[in-house]
Amino acid sequence: MMNFRENEEAVSPVIGVILMVAITVILAAVIAAFVFGMGSNIGTTKTVAVTASQNGGDVILTYHGGADASSLQYLKVKVESGDSTKGSKTYCTQKSGVFTSTTTSDGEGVEVGTVMKVPGLGSALKDHVVVTGHFADGSDHVVLDTYV
């Protein structure tokens, strides 16, 4: 009687290759879903320009417009004193660039070329000026952060 031995050696490498391919495909799908899912959460930036200078005790801001000027609804300016005891003051544009001492706006927009004067805080140190633009899509973007 002949004795045949079964050769089970060939089964393990085939199963191993199939498992490796399956793991690779699943891993690639998970990484792709993670990468493409994160890309949708990135917001777009807005491009508008504002410059600031000091004139006596006042901060003079000039709005230069930019690629997103048509969607800008208002500008909010926060002036912080270099001297921490003097605090900070926030202003918002009203009716084509006139600033009022409030944090609300009429949302009528700001005309390109508008020059706006904001009172400084009278510190011997430079005032920190942060200008934030509010756009039609509801987003807020810092358009200027400087010391004058």
Protein backbone atom coordinates (compact mmCIF):
# COMPACT_ATOMS: atom_id res chain seq x y z
CA MET A 1 0.00 0.00 0.00
CA MET A 2 1.25 3.41 -0.93
CA ASN A 3 1.37 6.12 1.60
CA PHE A 4 0.62 9.60 0.20
CA ARG A 5 1.54 12.60 2.25
CA GLU A 6 -0.50 15.73 1.86
CA ASN A 7 1.51 18.84 1.14
CA GLU A 8 -0.12 21.67 3.08
CA GLU A 9 2.85 23.98 2.60
CA ALA A 10 1.34 25.73 -0.44
CA VAL A 11 -1.81 26.80 1.42
CA SER A 12 -0.08 29.14 3.91
CA PRO A 13 1.75 31.43 1.39
CA VAL A 14 -1.42 31.89 -0.68
CA ILE A 15 -3.50 32.82 2.35
CA GLY A 16 -0.69 35.08 3.56
CA VAL A 17 -0.55 36.96 0.25
CA ILE A 18 -4.34 37.36 0.17
CA LEU A 19 -4.35 38.70 3.73
CA MET A 20 -1.51 41.12 2.98
CA VAL A 21 -3.32 42.46 -0.11
CA ALA A 22 -6.58 42.82 1.84
CA ILE A 23 -4.84 44.68 4.66
CA THR A 24 -3.11 46.99 2.19
CA VAL A 25 -6.36 47.81 0.38
CA ILE A 26 -8.22 48.48 3.64
CA LEU A 27 -5.38 50.64 4.98
CA ALA A 28 -5.25 52.65 1.74
CA ALA A 29 -9.03 53.20 1.87
CA VAL A 30 -8.92 54.40 5.48
CA ILE A 31 -6.03 56.79 4.80
CA ALA A 32 -7.71 58.14 1.65
CA ALA A 33 -10.99 58.71 3.52
CA PHE A 34 -9.14 60.53 6.31
CA VAL A 35 -7.11 62.73 3.95
CA PHE A 36 -9.99 63.63 1.63
CA GLY A 37 -12.35 64.15 4.57
CA MET A 38 -9.99 66.67 6.16
CA GLY A 39 -9.65 68.64 2.93
CA SER A 40 -13.32 69.58 2.98
CA ASN A 41 -12.99 71.24 6.41
CA ILE A 42 -10.37 73.76 5.30
CA GLY A 43 -11.89 77.19 4.78
CA THR A 44 -10.85 79.67 2.17
CA THR A 45 -8.90 82.78 3.04
CA LYS A 46 -10.03 86.28 2.14
CA THR A 47 -7.84 88.92 0.55
CA VAL A 48 -8.30 92.58 1.44
CA ALA A 49 -5.70 95.15 2.49
CA VAL A 50 -5.69 97.69 5.31
CA THR A 51 -2.73 99.82 6.39
CA ALA A 52 -2.26 101.69 9.66
CA SER A 53 -0.16 104.65 10.74
CA GLN A 54 0.07 106.90 13.78
CA ASN A 55 -0.87 110.59 13.53
CA GLY A 56 -0.49 112.29 16.88
CA GLY A 57 -2.73 110.41 19.25
CA ASP A 58 -4.85 108.87 16.48
CA VAL A 59 -4.48 105.69 14.45
CA ILE A 60 -5.14 106.29 10.75
CA LEU A 61 -6.40 103.25 8.80
CA THR A 62 -6.62 103.13 5.02
CA TYR A 63 -8.72 100.47 3.30
CA HIS A 64 -7.18 99.44 -0.03
CA GLY A 65 -9.69 96.81 -1.17
CA GLY A 66 -8.55 93.51 -2.65
CA ALA A 67 -9.84 90.40 -4.38
CA ASP A 68 -12.63 89.94 -1.82
CA ALA A 69 -13.60 93.60 -1.42
CA SER A 70 -17.08 92.99 -2.83
CA SER A 71 -17.94 90.51 -0.05
CA LEU A 72 -16.58 92.62 2.84
CA GLN A 73 -19.47 93.81 5.02
CA TYR A 74 -17.64 95.68 7.76
CA LEU A 75 -14.34 96.08 9.57
CA LYS A 76 -13.85 95.75 13.29
CA VAL A 77 -10.82 97.47 14.83
CA LYS A 78 -9.43 96.63 18.25
CA VAL A 79 -6.84 99.00 19.67
CA GLU A 80 -4.91 97.68 22.66
CA SER A 81 -2.64 99.94 24.64
CA GLY A 82 1.03 99.08 25.02
CA ASP A 83 0.47 100.04 28.64
CA SER A 84 -1.71 97.30 30.13
CA THR A 85 -3.35 99.72 32.58
CA LYS A 86 -5.00 101.64 29.72
CA GLY A 87 -6.91 98.57 28.40
CA SER A 88 -8.37 98.29 24.89
CA LYS A 89 -11.15 99.75 22.76
CA THR A 90 -13.11 98.16 19.89
CA TYR A 91 -14.62 100.07 16.96
CA CYS A 92 -16.80 98.94 14.06
CA THR A 93 -17.38 100.55 10.67
CA GLN A 94 -20.73 102.17 10.04
CA LYS A 95 -21.98 103.70 6.80
CA SER A 96 -18.99 103.55 4.46
CA GLY A 97 -16.10 103.55 6.87
CA VAL A 98 -17.06 105.83 9.74
CA PHE A 99 -16.08 104.14 12.99
CA THR A 100 -18.29 104.09 16.04
CA SER A 101 -17.38 102.91 19.52
CA THR A 102 -19.47 99.75 19.35
CA THR A 103 -19.12 96.11 18.38
CA THR A 104 -22.13 96.08 16.05
CA SER A 105 -22.32 97.23 12.44
CA ASP A 106 -24.93 98.17 9.88
CA GLY A 107 -23.20 95.81 7.40
CA GLU A 108 -23.32 98.34 4.55
CA GLY A 109 -19.71 97.68 3.50
CA VAL A 110 -16.63 99.83 3.26
CA GLU A 111 -15.65 101.73 0.12
CA VAL A 112 -12.18 101.14 -1.32
CA GLY A 113 -9.88 104.06 -0.53
CA THR A 114 -11.68 104.98 2.68
CA VAL A 115 -9.41 106.57 5.29
CA MET A 116 -10.58 106.06 8.85
CA LYS A 117 -9.37 107.71 12.05
CA VAL A 118 -9.51 105.82 15.34
CA PRO A 119 -8.43 107.41 18.62
CA GLY A 120 -5.28 105.88 20.10
CA LEU A 121 -5.13 105.05 23.78
CA GLY A 122 -2.55 107.67 24.69
CA SER A 123 0.17 105.31 25.83
CA ALA A 124 3.88 106.08 25.73
CA LEU A 125 4.24 102.57 24.25
CA LYS A 126 2.97 101.58 20.81
CA ASP A 127 -0.70 100.66 20.42
CA HIS A 128 -1.49 97.17 19.13
CA VAL A 129 -4.02 97.42 16.28
CA VAL A 130 -5.94 94.36 15.02
CA VAL A 131 -8.37 94.84 12.11
CA THR A 132 -10.84 92.03 11.44
CA GLY A 133 -13.02 91.90 8.33
CA HIS A 134 -16.51 90.39 8.40
CA PHE A 135 -17.56 88.92 5.05
CA ALA A 136 -20.88 88.06 3.40
CA ASP A 137 -20.40 84.31 4.01
CA GLY A 138 -20.38 84.98 7.76
CA SER A 139 -16.64 84.45 8.22
CA ASP A 140 -14.29 86.78 10.07
CA HIS A 141 -10.65 87.15 8.99
CA VAL A 142 -7.83 89.20 10.50
CA VAL A 143 -6.69 91.59 7.76
CA LEU A 144 -4.18 93.62 9.79
CA ASP A 145 -2.23 92.97 13.00
CA THR A 146 0.37 95.61 13.75
CA TYR A 147 1.84 98.02 16.30
CA VAL A 148 1.67 101.80 15.66
